[in-house]
């Protein structure tokens, strides 16, 4: 077991950002992926001084056992749910509105 024990990230990490600040320090950010799916907020950041010495590590990683990447619904069902959700936010819940009536004059 590695130094992170059961919290060691599984899957792959991808370098998502690399920058050098005005003082010459290098900052590398790695995004966590499990089964090819990016993990929301799964990120480790490594901070090196201008001489290349590692100074700090920070971020959030998640154990793969807590993350399920197998889809539970089809893409068509997901699209349908998304459309209904957006329509409700824009137009409100139209199922509770009164049906139009025809009035004879």
C-alpha atoms as a PDB file:
ATOM      1  CA  UNK A   1       0.000   0.000   0.000  1.00  0.00           C
ATOM      2  CA  UNK A   2       1.350   3.426  -0.952  1.00  0.00           C
ATOM      3  CA  UNK A   3       1.809   6.456   1.247  1.00  0.00           C
ATOM      4  CA  UNK A   4      -1.833   7.473   0.743  1.00  0.00           C
ATOM      5  CA  UNK A   5      -3.128   4.076   1.858  1.00  0.00           C
ATOM      6  CA  UNK A   6      -6.709   3.328   0.807  1.00  0.00           C
ATOM      7  CA  UNK A   7      -7.078   6.932  -0.387  1.00  0.00           C
ATOM      8  CA  UNK A   8      -4.574   6.540  -3.192  1.00  0.00           C
ATOM      9  CA  UNK A   9      -6.287   7.604  -6.401  1.00  0.00           C
ATOM     10  CA  UNK A  10      -6.994   4.876  -8.897  1.00  0.00           C
ATOM     11  CA  UNK A  11      -7.114   5.328 -12.610  1.00  0.00           C
ATOM     12  CA  UNK A  12      -5.116   7.980 -14.345  1.00  0.00           C
ATOM     13  CA  UNK A  13      -4.244  11.559 -13.701  1.00  0.00           C
ATOM     14  CA  UNK A  14      -3.811  14.046 -16.488  1.00  0.00           C
ATOM     15  CA  UNK A  15      -1.720  17.184 -16.333  1.00  0.00           C
ATOM     16  CA  UNK A  16      -4.365  19.879 -16.587  1.00  0.00           C
ATOM     17  CA  UNK A  17      -2.279  22.961 -15.896  1.00  0.00           C
ATOM     18  CA  UNK A  18       1.360  23.950 -15.723  1.00  0.00           C
ATOM     19  CA  UNK A  19       2.456  27.466 -14.895  1.00  0.00           C
ATOM     20  CA  UNK A  20       5.446  29.365 -13.612  1.00  0.00           C
ATOM     21  CA  UNK A  21       4.770  32.335 -11.343  1.00  0.00           C
ATOM     22  CA  UNK A  22       6.630  35.636 -11.229  1.00  0.00           C
ATOM     23  CA  UNK A  23       9.044  34.280  -8.566  1.00  0.00           C
ATOM     24  CA  UNK A  24      10.039  31.373 -10.819  1.00  0.00           C
ATOM     25  CA  UNK A  25       8.070  28.735  -8.884  1.00  0.00           C
ATOM     26  CA  UNK A  26       6.422  25.995 -10.951  1.00  0.00           C
ATOM     27  CA  UNK A  27       2.882  24.800 -10.224  1.00  0.00           C
ATOM     28  CA  UNK A  28       1.563  21.563 -11.752  1.00  0.00           C
ATOM     29  CA  UNK A  29      -2.085  20.500 -11.473  1.00  0.00           C
ATOM     30  CA  UNK A  30      -3.218  16.945 -12.192  1.00  0.00           C
ATOM     31  CA  UNK A  31      -6.913  16.137 -12.694  1.00  0.00           C
ATOM     32  CA  UNK A  32      -8.114  12.756 -11.397  1.00  0.00           C
ATOM     33  CA  UNK A  33      -9.834  10.397 -13.866  1.00  0.00           C
ATOM     34  CA  UNK A  34     -11.434   7.023 -13.151  1.00  0.00           C
ATOM     35  CA  UNK A  35     -12.302   4.757 -16.077  1.00  0.00           C
ATOM     36  CA  UNK A  36     -11.759   7.710 -18.397  1.00  0.00           C
ATOM     37  CA  UNK A  37     -14.275   9.875 -16.520  1.00  0.00           C
ATOM     38  CA  UNK A  38     -13.018  13.113 -14.941  1.00  0.00           C
ATOM     39  CA  UNK A  39     -13.679  13.206 -11.193  1.00  0.00           C
ATOM     40  CA  UNK A  40     -15.385  16.438 -10.123  1.00  0.00           C
ATOM     41  CA  UNK A  41     -12.975  18.348  -7.869  1.00  0.00           C
ATOM     42  CA  UNK A  42     -10.425  15.502  -8.021  1.00  0.00           C
ATOM     43  CA  UNK A  43      -7.196  17.466  -8.342  1.00  0.00           C
ATOM     44  CA  UNK A  44      -3.664  17.325  -6.954  1.00  0.00           C
ATOM     45  CA  UNK A  45      -1.353  20.306  -7.190  1.00  0.00           C
ATOM     46  CA  UNK A  46       2.427  20.130  -6.878  1.00  0.00           C
ATOM     47  CA  UNK A  47       4.429  23.278  -6.124  1.00  0.00           C
ATOM     48  CA  UNK A  48       8.162  23.488  -6.871  1.00  0.00           C
ATOM     49  CA  UNK A  49      10.566  26.304  -6.047  1.00  0.00           C
ATOM     50  CA  UNK A  50      12.750  27.901  -8.729  1.00  0.00           C
ATOM     51  CA  UNK A  51      15.439  25.256  -8.074  1.00  0.00           C
ATOM     52  CA  UNK A  52      12.971  22.444  -8.843  1.00  0.00           C
ATOM     53  CA  UNK A  53      12.609  21.314  -5.223  1.00  0.00           C
ATOM     54  CA  UNK A  54       9.131  20.089  -4.279  1.00  0.00           C
ATOM     55  CA  UNK A  55       7.737  22.452  -1.629  1.00  0.00           C
ATOM     56  CA  UNK A  56       4.026  21.665  -1.277  1.00  0.00           C
ATOM     57  CA  UNK A  57       1.342  19.266  -2.414  1.00  0.00           C
ATOM     58  CA  UNK A  58      -2.337  20.069  -1.980  1.00  0.00           C
ATOM     59  CA  UNK A  59      -5.684  19.158  -3.451  1.00  0.00           C
ATOM     60  CA  UNK A  60      -8.450  16.600  -3.183  1.00  0.00           C
ATOM     61  CA  UNK A  61      -8.446  13.003  -4.391  1.00  0.00           C
ATOM     62  CA  UNK A  62     -11.131  10.355  -4.081  1.00  0.00           C
ATOM     63  CA  UNK A  63     -10.762   6.597  -3.660  1.00  0.00           C
ATOM     64  CA  UNK A  64     -11.970   4.781  -6.748  1.00  0.00           C
ATOM     65  CA  UNK A  65     -14.195   2.564  -4.599  1.00  0.00           C
ATOM     66  CA  UNK A  66     -16.428   5.578  -3.874  1.00  0.00           C
ATOM     67  CA  UNK A  67     -16.944   6.510  -7.509  1.00  0.00           C
ATOM     68  CA  UNK A  68     -19.229   4.608  -9.864  1.00  0.00           C
ATOM     69  CA  UNK A  69     -18.596   5.238 -13.552  1.00  0.00           C
ATOM     70  CA  UNK A  70     -21.015   2.728 -15.067  1.00  0.00           C
ATOM     71  CA  UNK A  71     -23.950   4.604 -16.649  1.00  0.00           C
ATOM     72  CA  UNK A  72     -27.330   3.828 -15.080  1.00  0.00           C
ATOM     73  CA  UNK A  73     -29.416   5.402 -17.824  1.00  0.00           C
ATOM     74  CA  UNK A  74     -29.119   5.608 -21.595  1.00  0.00           C
ATOM     75  CA  UNK A  75     -27.883   8.734 -23.368  1.00  0.00           C
ATOM     76  CA  UNK A  76     -31.395   9.236 -24.791  1.00  0.00           C
ATOM     77  CA  UNK A  77     -32.959   9.143 -21.317  1.00  0.00           C
ATOM     78  CA  UNK A  78     -30.306  11.560 -20.004  1.00  0.00           C
ATOM     79  CA  UNK A  79     -31.026  13.996 -22.848  1.00  0.00           C
ATOM     80  CA  UNK A  80     -34.766  13.764 -22.196  1.00  0.00           C
ATOM     81  CA  UNK A  81     -34.306  14.465 -18.472  1.00  0.00           C
ATOM     82  CA  UNK A  82     -32.064  17.426 -19.287  1.00  0.00           C
ATOM     83  CA  UNK A  83     -34.599  18.918 -21.708  1.00  0.00           C
ATOM     84  CA  UNK A  84     -37.472  18.566 -19.234  1.00  0.00           C
ATOM     85  CA  UNK A  85     -35.371  20.078 -16.428  1.00  0.00           C
ATOM     86  CA  UNK A  86     -34.385  23.088 -18.537  1.00  0.00           C
ATOM     87  CA  UNK A  87     -37.957  23.570 -19.790  1.00  0.00           C
ATOM     88  CA  UNK A  88     -39.279  23.565 -16.203  1.00  0.00           C
ATOM     89  CA  UNK A  89     -36.719  26.191 -15.191  1.00  0.00           C
ATOM     90  CA  UNK A  90     -37.668  28.394 -18.117  1.00  0.00           C
ATOM     91  CA  UNK A  91     -41.438  27.878 -18.256  1.00  0.00           C
ATOM     92  CA  UNK A  92     -42.271  26.540 -14.797  1.00  0.00           C
ATOM     93  CA  UNK A  93     -44.200  23.362 -14.134  1.00  0.00           C
ATOM     94  CA  UNK A  94     -46.714  23.431 -16.979  1.00  0.00           C
ATOM     95  CA  UNK A  95     -48.500  20.263 -15.816  1.00  0.00           C
ATOM     96  CA  UNK A  96     -50.128  22.224 -12.957  1.00  0.00           C
ATOM     97  CA  UNK A  97     -51.534  24.959 -15.169  1.00  0.00           C
ATOM     98  CA  UNK A  98     -55.193  25.101 -16.099  1.00  0.00           C
ATOM     99  CA  UNK A  99     -56.107  23.834 -19.505  1.00  0.00           C
ATOM    100  CA  UNK A 100     -57.383  26.527 -21.870  1.00  0.00           C
ATOM    101  CA  UNK A 101     -61.148  26.708 -22.106  1.00  0.00           C
ATOM    102  CA  UNK A 102     -63.263  27.481 -25.127  1.00  0.00           C
ATOM    103  CA  UNK A 103     -65.860  30.083 -24.313  1.00  0.00           C
ATOM    104  CA  UNK A 104     -68.937  30.577 -26.516  1.00  0.00           C
ATOM    105  CA  UNK A 105     -69.861  34.216 -26.910  1.00  0.00           C
END
